[in-house]
C-alpha atoms as a PDB file:
ATOM      1  CA  MET A   1     117.867  97.731 115.747  1.00  0.00           C
ATOM      2  CA  SER A   2     115.111 100.237 116.309  1.00  0.00           C
ATOM      3  CA  ASP A   3     116.279 103.355 114.507  1.00  0.00           C
ATOM      4  CA  VAL A   4     118.905 102.330 111.973  1.00  0.00           C
ATOM      5  CA  LEU A   5     116.938  99.804 109.959  1.00  0.00           C
ATOM      6  CA  THR A   6     113.437 100.943 110.786  1.00  0.00           C
ATOM      7  CA  MET A   7     111.811 104.250 111.606  1.00  0.00           C
ATOM      8  CA  LYS A   8     109.920 103.934 114.878  1.00  0.00           C
ATOM      9  CA  ARG A   9     110.141 107.665 115.448  1.00  0.00           C
ATOM     10  CA  ILE A  10     108.035 109.377 112.803  1.00  0.00           C
ATOM     11  CA  PRO A  11     109.729 112.515 111.377  1.00  0.00           C
ATOM     12  CA  VAL A  12     107.737 115.757 111.349  1.00  0.00           C
ATOM     13  CA  TYR A  13     107.985 116.115 107.559  1.00  0.00           C
ATOM     14  CA  LEU A  14     106.467 112.644 107.165  1.00  0.00           C
ATOM     15  CA  LEU A  15     103.500 113.548 109.361  1.00  0.00           C
ATOM     16  CA  ILE A  16     102.967 116.750 107.377  1.00  0.00           C
ATOM     17  CA  CYS A  17     103.012 114.788 104.140  1.00  0.00           C
ATOM     18  CA  TRP A  18     100.452 112.314 105.474  1.00  0.00           C
ATOM     19  CA  LEU A  19      98.186 115.145 106.581  1.00  0.00           C
ATOM     20  CA  ARG A  20      98.338 116.682 103.107  1.00  0.00           C
ATOM     21  CA  GLY A  21      96.927 113.492 101.641  1.00  0.00           C
ATOM     22  CA  LYS A  22      97.311 111.848  98.259  1.00  0.00           C
ATOM     23  CA  ASP A  23      98.986 114.829  96.577  1.00  0.00           C
ATOM     24  CA  CYS A  24     102.001 114.370  98.819  1.00  0.00           C
ATOM     25  CA  GLU A  25     103.972 111.221  98.088  1.00  0.00           C
ATOM     26  CA  LEU A  26     107.422 110.726  99.551  1.00  0.00           C
ATOM     27  CA  HIS A  27     110.289 109.243  97.566  1.00  0.00           C
ATOM     28  CA  SER A  28     113.521 108.102  99.136  1.00  0.00           C
ATOM     29  CA  LEU A  29     117.089 107.238  98.247  1.00  0.00           C
ATOM     30  CA  GLY A  30     118.864 105.211 100.901  1.00  0.00           C
ATOM     31  CA  TYR A  31     122.320 103.753 101.414  1.00  0.00           C
ATOM     32  CA  LEU A  32     122.670 100.829 103.836  1.00  0.00           C
ATOM     33  CA  TYR A  33     126.228 100.058 104.934  1.00  0.00           C
ATOM     34  CA  THR A  34     127.070  96.910 106.861  1.00  0.00           C
ATOM     35  CA  VAL A  35     130.495  95.868 108.106  1.00  0.00           C
ATOM     36  CA  SER A  36     131.058  92.937 110.432  1.00  0.00           C
ATOM     37  CA  SER A  37     134.087  91.528 112.171  1.00  0.00           C
ATOM     38  CA  PRO A  38     133.828  87.861 113.087  1.00  0.00           C
ATOM     39  CA  PRO A  39     136.361  86.887 115.794  1.00  0.00           C
ATOM     40  CA  GLY A  40     139.747  86.315 114.179  1.00  0.00           C
ATOM     41  CA  ASP A  41     138.584  87.195 110.652  1.00  0.00           C
ATOM     42  CA  ARG A  42     138.990  90.257 108.435  1.00  0.00           C
ATOM     43  CA  PRO A  43     135.986  92.625 108.442  1.00  0.00           C
ATOM     44  CA  GLU A  44     133.401  92.066 105.706  1.00  0.00           C
ATOM     45  CA  PHE A  45     131.738  95.062 104.044  1.00  0.00           C
ATOM     46  CA  GLU A  46     128.662  95.565 101.878  1.00  0.00           C
ATOM     47  CA  LEU A  47     126.684  98.536 100.642  1.00  0.00           C
ATOM     48  CA  THR A  48     123.147  98.388  99.269  1.00  0.00           C
ATOM     49  CA  THR A  49     121.542 101.356  97.492  1.00  0.00           C
ATOM     50  CA  GLU A  50     117.743 101.603  97.478  1.00  0.00           C
ATOM     51  CA  PHE A  51     115.337 103.817  95.552  1.00  0.00           C
ATOM     52  CA  ASP A  52     111.866 103.835  97.106  1.00  0.00           C
ATOM     53  CA  TRP A  53     112.898 100.772  99.152  1.00  0.00           C
ATOM     54  CA  THR A  54     113.820  98.774  96.053  1.00  0.00           C
ATOM     55  CA  ILE A  55     117.440  97.646  95.709  1.00  0.00           C
ATOM     56  CA  ILE A  56     119.088  99.259  92.673  1.00  0.00           C
ATOM     57  CA  SER A  57     122.753  98.410  93.300  1.00  0.00           C
ATOM     58  CA  HIS A  58     125.014  96.447  95.617  1.00  0.00           C
ATOM     59  CA  CYS A  59     128.731  96.318  96.344  1.00  0.00           C
ATOM     60  CA  ASP A  60     130.824  94.361  98.831  1.00  0.00           C
ATOM     61  CA  SER A  61     134.400  93.754  99.900  1.00  0.00           C
ATOM     62  CA  ASN A  62     134.660  90.691  97.653  1.00  0.00           C
ATOM     63  CA  GLU A  63     133.428  92.174  94.351  1.00  0.00           C
ATOM     64  CA  GLN A  64     134.907  95.654  94.946  1.00  0.00           C
ATOM     65  CA  LYS A  65     132.435  96.926  92.349  1.00  0.00           C
ATOM     66  CA  ASP A  66     129.014  98.571  92.437  1.00  0.00           C
ATOM     67  CA  LEU A  67     126.785  96.038  90.675  1.00  0.00           C
ATOM     68  CA  LEU A  68     123.552  97.474  89.268  1.00  0.00           C
ATOM     69  CA  ARG A  69     120.346  95.557  89.945  1.00  0.00           C
ATOM     70  CA  ARG A  70     118.210  97.741  87.675  1.00  0.00           C
ATOM     71  CA  ASP A  71     119.036  98.314  84.005  1.00  0.00           C
ATOM     72  CA  TRP A  72     117.252 101.680  83.914  1.00  0.00           C
ATOM     73  CA  VAL A  73     119.884 103.161  86.255  1.00  0.00           C
ATOM     74  CA  LYS A  74     122.310 103.069  83.315  1.00  0.00           C
ATOM     75  CA  GLU A  75     119.976 105.391  81.434  1.00  0.00           C
ATOM     76  CA  ILE A  76     120.331 108.010  84.186  1.00  0.00           C
ATOM     77  CA  LEU A  77     123.987 107.807  85.212  1.00  0.00           C
ATOM     78  CA  SER A  78     126.815 108.697  82.853  1.00  0.00           C
ATOM     79  CA  ALA A  79     129.767 106.383  82.227  1.00  0.00           C
ATOM     80  CA  ASP A  80     131.906 108.573  84.504  1.00  0.00           C
ATOM     81  CA  GLU A  81     129.303 108.420  87.263  1.00  0.00           C
ATOM     82  CA  LEU A  82     129.112 104.646  87.010  1.00  0.00           C
ATOM     83  CA  GLU A  83     132.895 104.357  87.212  1.00  0.00           C
ATOM     84  CA  ASN A  84     132.946 106.724  90.189  1.00  0.00           C
ATOM     85  CA  ARG A  85     130.486 104.431  91.958  1.00  0.00           C
ATOM     86  CA  ASN A  86     132.911 101.541  91.431  1.00  0.00           C
ATOM     87  CA  LYS A  87     135.771 103.628  92.828  1.00  0.00           C
ATOM     88  CA  GLN A  88     133.607 104.676  95.764  1.00  0.00           C
ATOM     89  CA  CYS A  89     132.793 101.038  96.476  1.00  0.00           C
ATOM     90  CA  ARG A  90     136.489 100.159  96.670  1.00  0.00           C
ATOM     91  CA  TYR A  91     137.270 103.212  98.799  1.00  0.00           C
ATOM     92  CA  GLU A  92     134.407 102.723 101.243  1.00  0.00           C
ATOM     93  CA  SER A  93     135.164  99.034 101.639  1.00  0.00           C
ATOM     94  CA  GLY A  94     138.502  99.959 103.209  1.00  0.00           C
ATOM     95  CA  LEU A  95     137.127 103.004 105.029  1.00  0.00           C
ATOM     96  CA  TYR A  96     134.369 101.112 106.827  1.00  0.00           C
ATOM     97  CA  GLU A  97     136.700  98.314 107.833  1.00  0.00           C
ATOM     98  CA  VAL A  98     138.886 100.923 109.554  1.00  0.00           C
ATOM     99  CA  THR A  99     135.807 102.579 111.080  1.00  0.00           C
ATOM    100  CA  LEU A 100     134.618  99.296 112.553  1.00  0.00           C
ATOM    101  CA  LEU A 101     138.017  98.610 114.091  1.00  0.00           C
ATOM    102  CA  ARG A 102     137.962 102.071 115.676  1.00  0.00           C
ATOM    103  CA  VAL A 103     134.432 101.558 117.033  1.00  0.00           C
ATOM    104  CA  LEU A 104     135.553  98.242 118.528  1.00  0.00           C
ATOM    105  CA  GLU A 105     138.324 100.120 120.314  1.00  0.00           C
ATOM    106  CA  LEU A 106     135.992 102.858 121.546  1.00  0.00           C
ATOM    107  CA  THR A 107     133.466 100.340 122.869  1.00  0.00           C
ATOM    108  CA  ASN A 108     136.035  97.851 124.242  1.00  0.00           C
ATOM    109  CA  SER A 109     134.641  95.130 121.974  1.00  0.00           C
ATOM    110  CA  THR A 110     136.496  92.284 120.262  1.00  0.00           C
ATOM    111  CA  SER A 111     133.991  91.749 117.432  1.00  0.00           C
ATOM    112  CA  GLY A 112     130.801  93.337 116.218  1.00  0.00           C
ATOM    113  CA  LEU A 113     128.337  94.395 113.540  1.00  0.00           C
ATOM    114  CA  LEU A 114     128.315  98.041 112.490  1.00  0.00           C
ATOM    115  CA  GLN A 115     125.501  99.404 110.316  1.00  0.00           C
ATOM    116  CA  ARG A 116     124.743 102.785 108.833  1.00  0.00           C
ATOM    117  CA  ARG A 117     121.675 103.986 106.961  1.00  0.00           C
ATOM    118  CA  ARG A 118     121.855 107.386 105.364  1.00  0.00           C
ATOM    119  CA  GLY A 119     119.967 109.047 102.566  1.00  0.00           C
ATOM    120  CA  CYS A 120     117.245 111.515 101.761  1.00  0.00           C
ATOM    121  CA  SER A 121     113.526 111.904 101.103  1.00  0.00           C
ATOM    122  CA  VAL A 122     111.749 114.288  98.739  1.00  0.00           C
ATOM    123  CA  SER A 123     108.018 114.835  98.327  1.00  0.00           C
ATOM    124  CA  SER A 124     106.527 114.240  94.902  1.00  0.00           C
ATOM    125  CA  ASP A 125     105.742 117.937  94.469  1.00  0.00           C
ATOM    126  CA  GLY A 126     109.236 118.950  95.584  1.00  0.00           C
ATOM    127  CA  SER A 127     107.950 121.100  98.442  1.00  0.00           C
ATOM    128  CA  MET A 128     109.571 119.050 101.216  1.00  0.00           C
ATOM    129  CA  ALA A 129     112.946 117.396 101.524  1.00  0.00           C
ATOM    130  CA  ALA A 130     114.946 115.862 104.355  1.00  0.00           C
ATOM    131  CA  GLY A 131     118.112 113.891 105.037  1.00  0.00           C
ATOM    132  CA  PHE A 132     118.919 111.174 107.545  1.00  0.00           C
ATOM    133  CA  ASP A 133     122.080 109.483 108.803  1.00  0.00           C
ATOM    134  CA  ARG A 134     121.958 106.851 111.556  1.00  0.00           C
ATOM    135  CA  TRP A 135     124.400 104.272 112.877  1.00  0.00           C
ATOM    136  CA  GLY A 136     123.794 101.055 114.780  1.00  0.00           C
ATOM    137  CA  PHE A 137     126.187  98.742 116.579  1.00  0.00           C
ATOM    138  CA  ASN A 138     125.423  95.103 117.369  1.00  0.00           C
ATOM    139  CA  GLY A 139     121.734  95.615 116.660  1.00  0.00           C
ATOM    140  CA  GLU A 140     121.289  98.662 118.891  1.00  0.00           C
ATOM    141  CA  ASP A 141     120.959 102.388 118.159  1.00  0.00           C
ATOM    142  CA  PHE A 142     124.395 103.984 118.255  1.00  0.00           C
ATOM    143  CA  LEU A 143     124.602 107.488 116.744  1.00  0.00           C
ATOM    144  CA  THR A 144     122.295 109.844 114.828  1.00  0.00           C
ATOM    145  CA  PHE A 145     123.410 112.843 112.798  1.00  0.00           C
ATOM    146  CA  ASP A 146     121.724 116.159 113.627  1.00  0.00           C
ATOM    147  CA  LEU A 147     121.511 118.056 110.329  1.00  0.00           C
ATOM    148  CA  ASP A 148     120.766 121.401 111.946  1.00  0.00           C
ATOM    149  CA  ALA A 149     123.539 121.259 114.527  1.00  0.00           C
ATOM    150  CA  VAL A 150     125.898 119.317 112.216  1.00  0.00           C
ATOM    151  CA  THR A 151     126.823 117.058 115.126  1.00  0.00           C
ATOM    152  CA  TRP A 152     126.353 113.468 116.238  1.00  0.00           C
ATOM    153  CA  ARG A 153     124.064 112.403 119.082  1.00  0.00           C
ATOM    154  CA  SER A 154     124.698 109.174 120.994  1.00  0.00           C
ATOM    155  CA  HIS A 155     121.930 106.744 121.922  1.00  0.00           C
ATOM    156  CA  SER A 156     123.713 104.767 124.608  1.00  0.00           C
ATOM    157  CA  PRO A 157     126.575 105.119 127.108  1.00  0.00           C
ATOM    158  CA  GLN A 158     128.541 102.787 124.853  1.00  0.00           C
ATOM    159  CA  ALA A 159     128.456 105.412 122.080  1.00  0.00           C
ATOM    160  CA  LEU A 160     129.596 108.410 124.144  1.00  0.00           C
ATOM    161  CA  ARG A 161     133.290 108.127 123.263  1.00  0.00           C
ATOM    162  CA  ALA A 162     132.441 107.817 119.562  1.00  0.00           C
ATOM    163  CA  GLU A 163     130.137 110.848 119.817  1.00  0.00           C
ATOM    164  CA  GLN A 164     132.908 112.970 121.326  1.00  0.00           C
ATOM    165  CA  GLU A 165     135.463 111.857 118.757  1.00  0.00           C
ATOM    166  CA  TRP A 166     133.183 112.241 115.720  1.00  0.00           C
ATOM    167  CA  ASN A 167     131.977 115.684 116.780  1.00  0.00           C
ATOM    168  CA  GLN A 168     135.559 116.905 116.588  1.00  0.00           C
ATOM    169  CA  ARG A 169     135.587 116.099 112.844  1.00  0.00           C
ATOM    170  CA  THR A 170     133.868 119.323 111.848  1.00  0.00           C
ATOM    171  CA  LEU A 171     134.986 119.224 108.207  1.00  0.00           C
ATOM    172  CA  SER A 172     133.779 115.644 107.708  1.00  0.00           C
ATOM    173  CA  ASN A 173     130.445 116.508 109.325  1.00  0.00           C
ATOM    174  CA  LYS A 174     129.959 119.441 106.943  1.00  0.00           C
ATOM    175  CA  ILE A 175     130.643 117.076 104.031  1.00  0.00           C
ATOM    176  CA  TYR A 176     128.035 114.637 105.399  1.00  0.00           C
ATOM    177  CA  LYS A 177     125.464 117.425 105.576  1.00  0.00           C
ATOM    178  CA  ASP A 178     126.237 118.594 102.048  1.00  0.00           C
ATOM    179  CA  PHE A 179     125.831 115.037 100.755  1.00  0.00           C
ATOM    180  CA  LEU A 180     122.410 114.643 102.365  1.00  0.00           C
ATOM    181  CA  LEU A 181     121.032 118.028 101.304  1.00  0.00           C
ATOM    182  CA  ASN A 182     122.562 118.295  97.842  1.00  0.00           C
ATOM    183  CA  GLU A 183     124.172 115.264  96.196  1.00  0.00           C
ATOM    184  CA  CYS A 184     121.642 112.758  97.537  1.00  0.00           C
ATOM    185  CA  GLN A 185     118.588 114.873  96.764  1.00  0.00           C
ATOM    186  CA  ASN A 186     119.799 115.795  93.281  1.00  0.00           C
ATOM    187  CA  LEU A 187     120.264 112.124  92.402  1.00  0.00           C
ATOM    188  CA  LEU A 188     116.925 111.227  93.959  1.00  0.00           C
ATOM    189  CA  ARG A 189     115.154 113.836  91.816  1.00  0.00           C
ATOM    190  CA  ARG A 190     116.769 112.345  88.715  1.00  0.00           C
ATOM    191  CA  PHE A 191     115.407 108.932  89.700  1.00  0.00           C
ATOM    192  CA  MET A 192     111.978 110.443  90.379  1.00  0.00           C
ATOM    193  CA  LYS A 193     111.963 112.055  86.933  1.00  0.00           C
ATOM    194  CA  LYS A 194     112.818 108.714  85.337  1.00  0.00           C
ATOM    195  CA  GLU A 195     109.983 107.069  87.248  1.00  0.00           C
ATOM    196  CA  GLU A 196     107.543 109.706  85.990  1.00  0.00           C
ATOM    197  CA  GLU A 197     108.674 109.037  82.422  1.00  0.00           C
ATOM    198  CA  GLY A 198     108.100 105.337  82.988  1.00  0.00           C
ATOM    199  CA  ILE A 199     110.708 102.795  83.942  1.00  0.00           C
ATOM    200  CA  LYS A 200     111.045 100.132  81.278  1.00  0.00           C
ATOM    201  CA  TYR A 201     111.823  96.701  82.615  1.00  0.00           C
ATOM    202  CA  THR A 202     113.774  94.104  80.673  1.00  0.00           C
ATOM    203  CA  VAL A 203     112.466  90.783  79.415  1.00  0.00           C
ATOM    204  CA  PRO A 204     112.416  87.896  81.908  1.00  0.00           C
ATOM    205  CA  GLU A 205     115.645  86.051  82.705  1.00  0.00           C
ATOM    206  CA  VAL A 206     115.369  82.310  82.135  1.00  0.00           C
ATOM    207  CA  HIS A 207     117.770  79.703  83.547  1.00  0.00           C
ATOM    208  CA  THR A 208     117.569  75.928  83.296  1.00  0.00           C
ATOM    209  CA  PHE A 209     119.161  73.257  85.467  1.00  0.00           C
ATOM    210  CA  ALA A 210     119.521  69.483  85.244  1.00  0.00           C
ATOM    211  CA  LYS A 211     120.462  67.287  88.208  1.00  0.00           C
ATOM    212  CA  PHE A 212     120.658  63.519  88.614  1.00  0.00           C
ATOM    213  CA  VAL A 213     118.749  62.222  91.654  1.00  0.00           C
ATOM    214  CA  PRO A 214     120.460  58.903  92.605  1.00  0.00           C
ATOM    215  CA  GLU A 215     117.865  57.689  95.096  1.00  0.00           C
ATOM    216  CA  LYS A 216     115.145  57.985  92.462  1.00  0.00           C
ATOM    217  CA  LYS A 217     117.340  57.044  89.505  1.00  0.00           C
ATOM    218  CA  ALA A 218     115.879  60.064  87.734  1.00  0.00           C
ATOM    219  CA  VAL A 219     116.949  63.418  86.310  1.00  0.00           C
ATOM    220  CA  SER A 220     115.393  66.574  87.731  1.00  0.00           C
ATOM    221  CA  LEU A 221     114.910  69.339  85.149  1.00  0.00           C
ATOM    222  CA  ARG A 222     114.205  72.803  86.505  1.00  0.00           C
ATOM    223  CA  CYS A 223     113.203  76.011  84.773  1.00  0.00           C
ATOM    224  CA  GLN A 224     113.773  79.204  86.763  1.00  0.00           C
ATOM    225  CA  VAL A 225     112.435  82.585  85.627  1.00  0.00           C
ATOM    226  CA  ALA A 226     113.182  85.973  87.217  1.00  0.00           C
ATOM    227  CA  CYS A 227     111.032  88.991  86.359  1.00  0.00           C
ATOM    228  CA  HIS A 228     110.000  92.342  87.807  1.00  0.00           C
ATOM    229  CA  ASP A 229     106.268  91.836  87.472  1.00  0.00           C
ATOM    230  CA  PRO A 230     104.751  88.336  87.251  1.00  0.00           C
ATOM    231  CA  THR A 231     101.383  89.719  86.150  1.00  0.00           C
ATOM    232  CA  GLY A 232     100.461  88.015  82.899  1.00  0.00           C
ATOM    233  CA  MET A 233     103.600  85.857  83.005  1.00  0.00           C
ATOM    234  CA  GLN A 234     103.193  82.354  81.586  1.00  0.00           C
ATOM    235  CA  ILE A 235     105.839  79.659  82.053  1.00  0.00           C
ATOM    236  CA  LEU A 236     105.639  76.414  80.133  1.00  0.00           C
ATOM    237  CA  LEU A 237     107.566  73.159  79.884  1.00  0.00           C
ATOM    238  CA  THR A 238     107.386  71.863  76.330  1.00  0.00           C
ATOM    239  CA  ARG A 239     108.662  68.876  74.390  1.00  0.00           C
ATOM    240  CA  GLY A 240     108.560  68.709  70.658  1.00  0.00           C
ATOM    241  CA  GLY A 241     106.377  71.821  70.622  1.00  0.00           C
ATOM    242  CA  GLN A 242     103.796  70.251  72.941  1.00  0.00           C
ATOM    243  CA  VAL A 243     103.090  71.519  76.462  1.00  0.00           C
ATOM    244  CA  VAL A 244     104.015  69.055  79.219  1.00  0.00           C
ATOM    245  CA  ALA A 245     101.181  69.451  81.724  1.00  0.00           C
ATOM    246  CA  ASP A 246     101.574  66.361  83.916  1.00  0.00           C
ATOM    247  CA  ARG A 247     104.268  65.355  86.439  1.00  0.00           C
ATOM    248  CA  ARG A 248     105.536  68.912  86.774  1.00  0.00           C
ATOM    249  CA  THR A 249     105.811  71.003  89.961  1.00  0.00           C
ATOM    250  CA  ALA A 250     105.284  74.766  90.086  1.00  0.00           C
ATOM    251  CA  THR A 251     106.794  77.062  92.732  1.00  0.00           C
ATOM    252  CA  GLY A 252     106.468  80.812  93.275  1.00  0.00           C
ATOM    253  CA  PRO A 253     106.414  83.647  92.913  1.00  0.00           C
ATOM    254  CA  LEU A 254     109.231  84.012  95.461  1.00  0.00           C
ATOM    255  CA  PRO A 255     111.085  87.291  96.186  1.00  0.00           C
ATOM    256  CA  ASN A 256     114.706  87.738  95.116  1.00  0.00           C
ATOM    257  CA  MET A 257     117.197  90.054  96.836  1.00  0.00           C
ATOM    258  CA  ASP A 258     117.336  92.362  93.790  1.00  0.00           C
ATOM    259  CA  GLY A 259     113.622  93.179  93.867  1.00  0.00           C
ATOM    260  CA  THR A 260     112.591  90.702  91.169  1.00  0.00           C
ATOM    261  CA  VAL A 261     110.446  87.647  91.771  1.00  0.00           C
ATOM    262  CA  GLN A 262     111.257  84.062  90.920  1.00  0.00           C
ATOM    263  CA  LEU A 263     109.023  81.414  89.358  1.00  0.00           C
ATOM    264  CA  ARG A 264     109.988  77.770  88.909  1.00  0.00           C
ATOM    265  CA  LEU A 265     108.775  74.713  87.048  1.00  0.00           C
ATOM    266  CA  SER A 266     110.407  71.322  87.587  1.00  0.00           C
ATOM    267  CA  ILE A 267     109.927  67.755  86.418  1.00  0.00           C
ATOM    268  CA  GLU A 268     111.607  64.422  87.108  1.00  0.00           C
ATOM    269  CA  ILE A 269     112.225  62.170  84.126  1.00  0.00           C
ATOM    270  CA  SER A 270     114.174  59.069  83.140  1.00  0.00           C
ATOM    271  CA  PRO A 271     117.897  59.644  82.337  1.00  0.00           C
ATOM    272  CA  ALA A 272     117.259  58.101  78.929  1.00  0.00           C
ATOM    273  CA  ASP A 273     114.417  60.498  78.187  1.00  0.00           C
ATOM    274  CA  THR A 274     115.934  64.005  78.512  1.00  0.00           C
ATOM    275  CA  LEU A 275     115.953  65.149  74.879  1.00  0.00           C
ATOM    276  CA  GLY A 276     113.603  67.756  73.449  1.00  0.00           C
ATOM    277  CA  TYR A 277     112.563  69.577  76.649  1.00  0.00           C
ATOM    278  CA  ARG A 278     112.404  73.366  76.622  1.00  0.00           C
ATOM    279  CA  CYS A 279     111.441  76.088  79.072  1.00  0.00           C
ATOM    280  CA  GLU A 280     109.318  78.925  77.700  1.00  0.00           C
ATOM    281  CA  ALA A 281     108.511  82.239  79.345  1.00  0.00           C
ATOM    282  CA  HIS A 282     105.856  84.479  77.809  1.00  0.00           C
ATOM    283  CA  SER A 283     105.137  88.019  79.019  1.00  0.00           C
ATOM    284  CA  ASN A 284     104.174  91.430  77.700  1.00  0.00           C
ATOM    285  CA  THR A 285     107.867  92.390  77.556  1.00  0.00           C
ATOM    286  CA  GLY A 286     108.966  89.439  75.429  1.00  0.00           C
ATOM    287  CA  ASN A 287     109.040  85.686  74.891  1.00  0.00           C
ATOM    288  CA  ILE A 288     111.958  83.355  75.606  1.00  0.00           C
ATOM    289  CA  SER A 289     112.515  79.668  74.859  1.00  0.00           C
ATOM    290  CA  VAL A 290     115.513  77.848  76.383  1.00  0.00           C
ATOM    291  CA  LYS A 291     116.662  74.265  75.880  1.00  0.00           C
ATOM    292  CA  MET A 292     116.653  72.082  79.003  1.00  0.00           C
ATOM    293  CA  GLY A 293     118.913  69.184  79.920  1.00  0.00           C
END
């Protein structure tokens, strides 16, 4: 989808910022909504919130809760704001399912994928700000919100009926504009302030797994570490306080969906020889040692 998930058309404010050089850095807060309707099944909804293109929270129709992917967000949002995000997740899950069903009617479709990306951008010096709201249907541009005119603009003949119907919702469109120019930008500036103060990341998360491999008559031990920055990270397999350097396999770093990276160490051993193994992760944010097997 050319305009909903990417930005092939470069906004004027972005060009101005580039021309101003290094003193102009753009920050963004984006909300990506996805709702799909497989034939014969109930629509599935998910919402991902991104700050500077890094996922900070996620909710879907199964969890019905806005799950934070960054601990520092709790330092910015109050308990009431966090609870409101959970309520909003539940509300929007139902709302977008209804919206998809209506779009299917308007486009004479039996199933489909509906996506929306909306949010805002603010320059680092606060001199420029903008909002955006775009919809896509089945991987194609569908509708774009015109902030100045407070109306929707269709991108294909298939979207014309939706454009006409949505432009009659003048109150809703005013609410959309207010969200983009006020609520979104105010929250984005709070995130920007936190970033200036320095975002403190938590210690690495360490998980261990043990699995019997019948064809090899062996046990596979795996250490899996998730962290925000692998720089300086050291992962060790130890036994009895001694580092196990042979027969092990290292993998990573690999990206996770929440913006962290994953590192793995694994080793295959005899089922009678599983005692005493530990996984250790050492970094500048802390050290962790977890029993394996």
